[in-house]
Amino acid sequence: MPRDDGTINNTDRKTLNTAILASSVPDAFADFADDADIGADGAPTARTYYYDDVHLNAAGHAIALGIIAPVVAGLR
């Protein structure tokens, strides 16, 4: 998830996400990066989906659930 609180460099985040996606280690991966509402750079400044520059609000959690649920269901 992107952050705009100055603690995480989004370029480093993207590099790490790319490495994880290319890895054979995780059984599954819920990828938020392609979601323009909660995963894009600058998304945390949108108070529609974030309480602050880090934490999702209820609307943001609803989007996250829509991304996570099918991934978890596929693990059964």
C-alpha atoms as a PDB file:
ATOM      1  CA  MET A   1       0.000   0.000   0.000  1.00  0.00           C
ATOM      2  CA  PRO A   2       1.301   3.453  -0.759  1.00  0.00           C
ATOM      3  CA  ARG A   3       2.062   5.871   2.039  1.00  0.00           C
ATOM      4  CA  ASP A   4       2.345   9.607   1.908  1.00  0.00           C
ATOM      5  CA  ASP A   5       3.590  10.149   5.443  1.00  0.00           C
ATOM      6  CA  GLY A   6       7.243  10.379   4.392  1.00  0.00           C
ATOM      7  CA  THR A   7       8.339   7.078   5.957  1.00  0.00           C
ATOM      8  CA  ILE A   8       8.356   4.847   2.876  1.00  0.00           C
ATOM      9  CA  ASN A   9       9.677   5.675  -0.560  1.00  0.00           C
ATOM     10  CA  ASN A  10       7.087   4.601  -3.150  1.00  0.00           C
ATOM     11  CA  THR A  11       9.857   3.683  -5.608  1.00  0.00           C
ATOM     12  CA  ASP A  12      11.249   1.227  -3.043  1.00  0.00           C
ATOM     13  CA  ARG A  13       7.730  -0.098  -2.431  1.00  0.00           C
ATOM     14  CA  LYS A  14       7.276  -0.790  -6.142  1.00  0.00           C
ATOM     15  CA  THR A  15      10.662  -2.502  -6.360  1.00  0.00           C
ATOM     16  CA  LEU A  16       9.814  -4.754  -3.414  1.00  0.00           C
ATOM     17  CA  ASN A  17       6.360  -5.569  -4.818  1.00  0.00           C
ATOM     18  CA  THR A  18       7.910  -6.525  -8.164  1.00  0.00           C
ATOM     19  CA  ALA A  19      10.387  -8.822  -6.407  1.00  0.00           C
ATOM     20  CA  ILE A  20       7.622 -10.470  -4.369  1.00  0.00           C
ATOM     21  CA  LEU A  21       5.451 -11.020  -7.451  1.00  0.00           C
ATOM     22  CA  ALA A  22       8.403 -12.611  -9.273  1.00  0.00           C
ATOM     23  CA  SER A  23       9.196 -14.860  -6.303  1.00  0.00           C
ATOM     24  CA  SER A  24       7.974 -18.406  -5.869  1.00  0.00           C
ATOM     25  CA  VAL A  25       7.789 -17.983  -2.090  1.00  0.00           C
ATOM     26  CA  PRO A  26       4.232 -16.714  -1.470  1.00  0.00           C
ATOM     27  CA  ASP A  27       1.308 -19.074  -2.032  1.00  0.00           C
ATOM     28  CA  ALA A  28      -0.785 -16.077  -3.046  1.00  0.00           C
ATOM     29  CA  PHE A  29      -0.475 -12.330  -3.349  1.00  0.00           C
ATOM     30  CA  ALA A  30      -3.217  -9.722  -2.994  1.00  0.00           C
ATOM     31  CA  ASP A  31      -1.961  -6.907  -5.222  1.00  0.00           C
ATOM     32  CA  PHE A  32      -3.343  -3.479  -4.392  1.00  0.00           C
ATOM     33  CA  ALA A  33      -0.949  -1.615  -6.690  1.00  0.00           C
ATOM     34  CA  ASP A  34      -3.246  -1.688  -9.724  1.00  0.00           C
ATOM     35  CA  ASP A  35      -6.189  -0.219  -7.831  1.00  0.00           C
ATOM     36  CA  ALA A  36      -6.325   3.510  -8.606  1.00  0.00           C
ATOM     37  CA  ASP A  37      -8.365   4.282  -5.502  1.00  0.00           C
ATOM     38  CA  ILE A  38      -6.184   2.728  -2.805  1.00  0.00           C
ATOM     39  CA  GLY A  39      -3.011   1.446  -4.471  1.00  0.00           C
ATOM     40  CA  ALA A  40      -1.718   4.244  -6.654  1.00  0.00           C
ATOM     41  CA  ASP A  41       0.930   6.752  -5.614  1.00  0.00           C
ATOM     42  CA  GLY A  42      -0.847   9.661  -4.000  1.00  0.00           C
ATOM     43  CA  ALA A  43      -3.927   7.601  -3.156  1.00  0.00           C
ATOM     44  CA  PRO A  44      -3.538   8.050   0.627  1.00  0.00           C
ATOM     45  CA  THR A  45      -4.259  11.760   0.267  1.00  0.00           C
ATOM     46  CA  ALA A  46      -7.809  10.911  -0.860  1.00  0.00           C
ATOM     47  CA  ARG A  47      -9.913  11.100   2.295  1.00  0.00           C
ATOM     48  CA  THR A  48     -12.619   9.161   0.474  1.00  0.00           C
ATOM     49  CA  TYR A  49     -10.625   5.983   1.177  1.00  0.00           C
ATOM     50  CA  TYR A  50      -8.064   6.950   3.860  1.00  0.00           C
ATOM     51  CA  TYR A  51      -8.405   8.426   7.370  1.00  0.00           C
ATOM     52  CA  ASP A  52      -4.936   9.875   7.127  1.00  0.00           C
ATOM     53  CA  ASP A  53      -1.919   9.283   4.908  1.00  0.00           C
ATOM     54  CA  VAL A  54      -1.600   5.636   5.987  1.00  0.00           C
ATOM     55  CA  HIS A  55      -4.804   3.993   7.289  1.00  0.00           C
ATOM     56  CA  LEU A  56      -7.803   2.927   5.227  1.00  0.00           C
ATOM     57  CA  ASN A  57     -11.290   3.997   6.300  1.00  0.00           C
ATOM     58  CA  ALA A  58     -14.441   1.844   5.809  1.00  0.00           C
ATOM     59  CA  ALA A  59     -14.690   2.640   2.086  1.00  0.00           C
ATOM     60  CA  GLY A  60     -11.012   1.781   1.611  1.00  0.00           C
ATOM     61  CA  HIS A  61     -11.417  -1.450   3.537  1.00  0.00           C
ATOM     62  CA  ALA A  62     -14.336  -2.408   1.296  1.00  0.00           C
ATOM     63  CA  ILE A  63     -12.075  -2.063  -1.753  1.00  0.00           C
ATOM     64  CA  ALA A  64      -9.300  -4.007  -0.018  1.00  0.00           C
ATOM     65  CA  LEU A  65     -11.730  -6.801   0.853  1.00  0.00           C
ATOM     66  CA  GLY A  66     -12.739  -7.046  -2.796  1.00  0.00           C
ATOM     67  CA  ILE A  67      -9.077  -7.597  -3.688  1.00  0.00           C
ATOM     68  CA  ILE A  68      -8.221  -9.938  -0.813  1.00  0.00           C
ATOM     69  CA  ALA A  69     -11.322 -12.179  -0.722  1.00  0.00           C
ATOM     70  CA  PRO A  70     -10.800 -13.900  -4.097  1.00  0.00           C
ATOM     71  CA  VAL A  71      -7.135 -14.492  -3.305  1.00  0.00           C
ATOM     72  CA  VAL A  72      -7.947 -16.131   0.021  1.00  0.00           C
ATOM     73  CA  ALA A  73     -10.778 -18.145  -1.562  1.00  0.00           C
ATOM     74  CA  GLY A  74      -8.301 -19.467  -4.121  1.00  0.00           C
ATOM     75  CA  LEU A  75      -6.175 -20.942  -1.339  1.00  0.00           C
ATOM     76  CA  ARG A  76      -8.821 -23.461  -0.315  1.00  0.00           C
END
